[in-house]
Amino acid sequence: MKRSQTVNYILIVIGVLVSMYAKVDANQNTYLLIFGICCLLFGIFRISQTIPSKSEKEDDNIDEVE
């Protein structure tokens, strides 16, 4: 697995754990919760950039058939 993919998955795990930790206490730490959610979303965003769009896949299939 590439190093950047590993970093993305680590960001997601850290984001989930921090968000869960911030939510556990009755006096939840809002800044910690925001940080966890930002890590989670940033990791998901970076992973989604590596997935090719459906239209690109269809264009590749059309070129191969011709």
N, C-alpha and C. Protein backbone atom coordinates (compact mmCIF):
# COMPACT_ATOMS: atom_id res chain seq x y z
N MET A 1 0.84 -1.16 0.00
CA MET A 1 0.00 0.00 0.00
C MET A 1 0.90 1.24 0.00
N LYS A 2 0.49 2.25 -0.72
CA LYS A 2 1.27 3.46 -0.80
C LYS A 2 1.25 4.21 0.53
N ARG A 3 2.25 5.04 0.70
CA ARG A 3 2.36 5.80 1.95
C ARG A 3 1.19 6.78 2.09
N SER A 4 0.78 7.42 1.00
CA SER A 4 -0.31 8.40 1.08
C SER A 4 -1.64 7.73 1.44
N GLN A 5 -1.84 6.51 0.95
CA GLN A 5 -3.07 5.79 1.31
C GLN A 5 -3.07 5.45 2.79
N THR A 6 -1.90 5.10 3.31
CA THR A 6 -1.80 4.79 4.72
C THR A 6 -2.11 6.03 5.55
N VAL A 7 -1.60 7.17 5.12
CA VAL A 7 -1.86 8.42 5.83
C VAL A 7 -3.35 8.74 5.80
N ASN A 8 -4.01 8.50 4.68
CA ASN A 8 -5.45 8.75 4.58
C ASN A 8 -6.23 7.90 5.56
N TYR A 9 -5.91 6.62 5.63
CA TYR A 9 -6.62 5.74 6.55
C TYR A 9 -6.33 6.10 8.01
N ILE A 10 -5.12 6.52 8.29
CA ILE A 10 -4.79 6.94 9.66
C ILE A 10 -5.58 8.19 10.02
N LEU A 11 -5.70 9.13 9.09
CA LEU A 11 -6.51 10.34 9.33
C LEU A 11 -7.95 9.97 9.65
N ILE A 12 -8.50 9.02 8.92
CA ILE A 12 -9.89 8.61 9.16
C ILE A 12 -10.04 7.99 10.54
N VAL A 13 -9.12 7.11 10.89
CA VAL A 13 -9.20 6.44 12.19
C VAL A 13 -9.03 7.46 13.32
N ILE A 14 -8.07 8.36 13.18
CA ILE A 14 -7.87 9.39 14.20
C ILE A 14 -9.11 10.27 14.32
N GLY A 15 -9.69 10.64 13.19
CA GLY A 15 -10.90 11.46 13.21
C GLY A 15 -12.05 10.79 13.92
N VAL A 16 -12.24 9.50 13.65
CA VAL A 16 -13.32 8.76 14.31
C VAL A 16 -13.07 8.65 15.81
N LEU A 17 -11.85 8.29 16.19
CA LEU A 17 -11.54 8.12 17.61
C LEU A 17 -11.64 9.44 18.38
N VAL A 18 -11.13 10.51 17.81
CA VAL A 18 -11.19 11.81 18.49
C VAL A 18 -12.63 12.28 18.60
N SER A 19 -13.42 12.08 17.56
CA SER A 19 -14.82 12.49 17.60
C SER A 19 -15.60 11.69 18.64
N MET A 20 -15.32 10.40 18.72
CA MET A 20 -16.00 9.58 19.72
C MET A 20 -15.57 9.98 21.13
N TYR A 21 -14.29 10.27 21.31
CA TYR A 21 -13.79 10.68 22.63
C TYR A 21 -14.40 12.01 23.05
N ALA A 22 -14.52 12.95 22.12
CA ALA A 22 -15.06 14.26 22.43
C ALA A 22 -16.55 14.18 22.75
N LYS A 23 -17.23 13.20 22.20
CA LYS A 23 -18.68 13.08 22.37
C LYS A 23 -19.03 12.33 23.66
N VAL A 24 -18.10 11.58 24.24
CA VAL A 24 -18.39 10.72 25.39
C VAL A 24 -18.77 11.52 26.63
N ASP A 25 -18.03 12.57 26.90
CA ASP A 25 -18.23 13.33 28.12
C ASP A 25 -19.51 14.17 28.04
N ALA A 26 -20.15 14.37 29.20
CA ALA A 26 -21.34 15.20 29.22
C ALA A 26 -20.99 16.64 28.84
N ASN A 27 -19.82 17.09 29.25
CA ASN A 27 -19.33 18.41 28.85
C ASN A 27 -18.44 18.23 27.65
N GLN A 28 -19.03 17.99 26.52
CA GLN A 28 -18.24 17.68 25.32
C GLN A 28 -17.39 18.86 24.90
N ASN A 29 -16.20 18.56 24.46
CA ASN A 29 -15.27 19.58 23.99
C ASN A 29 -15.57 19.83 22.51
N THR A 30 -16.13 20.97 22.21
CA THR A 30 -16.56 21.29 20.85
C THR A 30 -15.38 21.37 19.90
N TYR A 31 -14.28 21.98 20.35
CA TYR A 31 -13.12 22.13 19.47
C TYR A 31 -12.49 20.78 19.14
N LEU A 32 -12.47 19.89 20.10
CA LEU A 32 -11.94 18.55 19.86
C LEU A 32 -12.84 17.79 18.89
N LEU A 33 -14.14 17.96 19.03
CA LEU A 33 -15.09 17.32 18.12
C LEU A 33 -14.93 17.86 16.70
N ILE A 34 -14.76 19.16 16.56
CA ILE A 34 -14.56 19.75 15.24
C ILE A 34 -13.27 19.26 14.62
N PHE A 35 -12.20 19.16 15.42
CA PHE A 35 -10.93 18.65 14.92
C PHE A 35 -11.08 17.21 14.42
N GLY A 36 -11.78 16.37 15.18
CA GLY A 36 -11.98 14.98 14.78
C GLY A 36 -12.77 14.87 13.49
N ILE A 37 -13.82 15.66 13.37
CA ILE A 37 -14.64 15.63 12.16
C ILE A 37 -13.84 16.12 10.96
N CYS A 38 -13.02 17.16 11.16
CA CYS A 38 -12.19 17.67 10.07
C CYS A 38 -11.18 16.62 9.60
N CYS A 39 -10.56 15.92 10.54
CA CYS A 39 -9.62 14.84 10.16
C CYS A 39 -10.34 13.75 9.39
N LEU A 40 -11.50 13.38 9.86
CA LEU A 40 -12.28 12.34 9.19
C LEU A 40 -12.65 12.76 7.77
N LEU A 41 -13.17 13.95 7.61
CA LEU A 41 -13.59 14.41 6.29
C LEU A 41 -12.41 14.63 5.35
N PHE A 42 -11.29 15.11 5.88
CA PHE A 42 -10.12 15.31 5.04
C PHE A 42 -9.58 13.97 4.54
N GLY A 43 -9.57 12.95 5.41
CA GLY A 43 -9.13 11.62 4.99
C GLY A 43 -10.05 11.03 3.94
N ILE A 44 -11.35 11.18 4.12
CA ILE A 44 -12.31 10.67 3.14
C ILE A 44 -12.18 11.42 1.82
N PHE A 45 -11.98 12.73 1.89
CA PHE A 45 -11.81 13.53 0.67
C PHE A 45 -10.59 13.08 -0.11
N ARG A 46 -9.49 12.83 0.58
CA ARG A 46 -8.26 12.41 -0.12
C ARG A 46 -8.42 11.03 -0.74
N ILE A 47 -9.15 10.14 -0.09
CA ILE A 47 -9.39 8.82 -0.66
C ILE A 47 -10.31 8.92 -1.87
N SER A 48 -11.31 9.78 -1.79
CA SER A 48 -12.25 9.90 -2.91
C SER A 48 -11.59 10.49 -4.15
N GLN A 49 -10.51 11.23 -3.99
CA GLN A 49 -9.80 11.78 -5.14
C GLN A 49 -9.11 10.69 -5.94
N THR A 50 -8.77 9.58 -5.31
CA THR A 50 -8.06 8.51 -6.02
C THR A 50 -9.00 7.61 -6.81
N ILE A 51 -10.30 7.68 -6.54
CA ILE A 51 -11.27 6.85 -7.24
C ILE A 51 -11.64 7.53 -8.55
N PRO A 52 -11.47 6.85 -9.69
CA PRO A 52 -11.82 7.48 -10.97
C PRO A 52 -13.33 7.64 -11.10
N SER A 53 -13.74 8.66 -11.82
CA SER A 53 -15.17 8.89 -11.99
C SER A 53 -15.76 7.84 -12.93
N LYS A 54 -17.07 7.68 -12.86
CA LYS A 54 -17.74 6.68 -13.68
C LYS A 54 -17.64 7.03 -15.16
N SER A 55 -17.71 8.31 -15.50
CA SER A 55 -17.65 8.70 -16.90
C SER A 55 -16.27 8.40 -17.50
N GLU A 56 -15.21 8.52 -16.71
CA GLU A 56 -13.88 8.17 -17.20
C GLU A 56 -13.78 6.68 -17.49
N LYS A 57 -14.40 5.86 -16.65
CA LYS A 57 -14.39 4.41 -16.87
C LYS A 57 -15.14 4.07 -18.16
N GLU A 58 -16.28 4.70 -18.37
CA GLU A 58 -17.06 4.42 -19.57
C GLU A 58 -16.32 4.86 -20.81
N ASP A 59 -15.63 5.99 -20.77
CA ASP A 59 -14.85 6.47 -21.90
C ASP A 59 -13.73 5.48 -22.24
N ASP A 60 -13.09 4.93 -21.22
CA ASP A 60 -12.02 3.95 -21.45
C ASP A 60 -12.58 2.70 -22.10
N ASN A 61 -13.76 2.25 -21.66
CA ASN A 61 -14.37 1.05 -22.25
C ASN A 61 -14.76 1.28 -23.69
N ILE A 62 -15.24 2.44 -24.03
CA ILE A 62 -15.63 2.76 -25.41
C ILE A 62 -14.41 2.77 -26.30
N ASP A 63 -13.30 3.32 -25.85
CA ASP A 63 -12.08 3.36 -26.64
C ASP A 63 -11.54 1.95 -26.90
N GLU A 64 -11.67 1.07 -25.93
CA GLU A 64 -11.16 -0.30 -26.08
C GLU A 64 -11.98 -1.08 -27.10
N VAL A 65 -13.29 -0.84 -27.16
CA VAL A 65 -14.18 -1.56 -28.07
C VAL A 65 -13.89 -1.15 -29.50
N GLU A 66 -13.65 0.11 -29.73
CA GLU A 66 -13.41 0.60 -31.10
C GLU A 66 -12.05 0.18 -31.52
